[in-house]
C-alpha atoms as a PDB file:
ATOM      1  CA  MET A   1       0.000   0.000   0.000  1.00  0.00           C
ATOM      2  CA  ALA A   2       1.452   3.406  -0.997  1.00  0.00           C
ATOM      3  CA  ASP A   3       0.037   5.195   2.065  1.00  0.00           C
ATOM      4  CA  LYS A   4       2.013   3.032   4.513  1.00  0.00           C
ATOM      5  CA  LEU A   5       5.108   4.674   6.020  1.00  0.00           C
ATOM      6  CA  ASP A   6       8.526   3.155   5.436  1.00  0.00           C
ATOM      7  CA  MET A   7      10.000   3.245   8.945  1.00  0.00           C
ATOM      8  CA  GLY A   8      13.481   2.543   7.556  1.00  0.00           C
ATOM      9  CA  GLU A   9      13.478   5.854   5.702  1.00  0.00           C
ATOM     10  CA  ILE A  10      12.320   7.691   8.813  1.00  0.00           C
ATOM     11  CA  ALA A  11      14.954   6.046  11.024  1.00  0.00           C
ATOM     12  CA  SER A  12      17.770   6.917   8.577  1.00  0.00           C
ATOM     13  CA  PHE A  13      16.660  10.539   8.073  1.00  0.00           C
ATOM     14  CA  ASP A  14      19.543  12.977   8.697  1.00  0.00           C
ATOM     15  CA  LYS A  15      18.301  16.135  10.436  1.00  0.00           C
ATOM     16  CA  ALA A  16      21.733  17.745   9.937  1.00  0.00           C
ATOM     17  CA  LYS A  17      20.929  18.141   6.217  1.00  0.00           C
ATOM     18  CA  LEU A  18      17.998  20.448   6.976  1.00  0.00           C
ATOM     19  CA  LYS A  19      18.520  24.156   6.368  1.00  0.00           C
ATOM     20  CA  LYS A  20      18.114  26.560   9.283  1.00  0.00           C
ATOM     21  CA  MET A  21      15.117  28.857   8.765  1.00  0.00           C
ATOM     22  CA  GLU A  22      13.849  31.773  10.769  1.00  0.00           C
ATOM     23  CA  THR A  23      10.102  32.014  11.154  1.00  0.00           C
ATOM     24  CA  GLN A  24       8.303  35.260  10.420  1.00  0.00           C
ATOM     25  CA  GLU A  25       4.962  36.237  11.813  1.00  0.00           C
ATOM     26  CA  ASN A  26       2.429  37.759   9.454  1.00  0.00           C
ATOM     27  CA  ALA A  27      -0.228  39.779  11.232  1.00  0.00           C
ATOM     28  CA  LEU A  28      -3.716  39.855   9.777  1.00  0.00           C
ATOM     29  CA  LEU A  29      -4.872  43.170   8.389  1.00  0.00           C
ATOM     30  CA  THR A  30      -7.501  45.086  10.293  1.00  0.00           C
ATOM     31  CA  LYS A  31     -10.425  46.844   8.656  1.00  0.00           C
ATOM     32  CA  GLU A  32      -8.751  50.190   9.368  1.00  0.00           C
ATOM     33  CA  THR A  33      -5.489  49.116   7.724  1.00  0.00           C
ATOM     34  CA  ILE A  34      -7.307  47.973   4.604  1.00  0.00           C
ATOM     35  CA  GLU A  35      -9.219  51.263   4.399  1.00  0.00           C
ATOM     36  CA  GLN A  36      -5.960  53.243   4.782  1.00  0.00           C
ATOM     37  CA  GLN A  37      -4.371  51.244   1.966  1.00  0.00           C
ATOM     38  CA  GLU A  38      -7.389  51.773  -0.276  1.00  0.00           C
ATOM     39  CA  TRP A  39      -7.323  55.539   0.374  1.00  0.00           C
ATOM     40  CA  SER A  40      -3.579  55.751  -0.302  1.00  0.00           C
ATOM     41  CA  GLU A  41      -4.035  53.946  -3.645  1.00  0.00           C
ATOM     42  CA  ILE A  42      -6.771  56.384  -4.674  1.00  0.00           C
ATOM     43  CA  SER A  43      -4.672  59.484  -3.832  1.00  0.00           C
END
């Protein structure tokens, strides 16, 4: 079955090969922010 995990591949996985990444937080826009952007595009 293709959905079954191959535990051998998981056991031999080398975490040292992973690249270091820094997470970034993206805040959701508020209604006021959207309105300000719309007004600045019109001007």
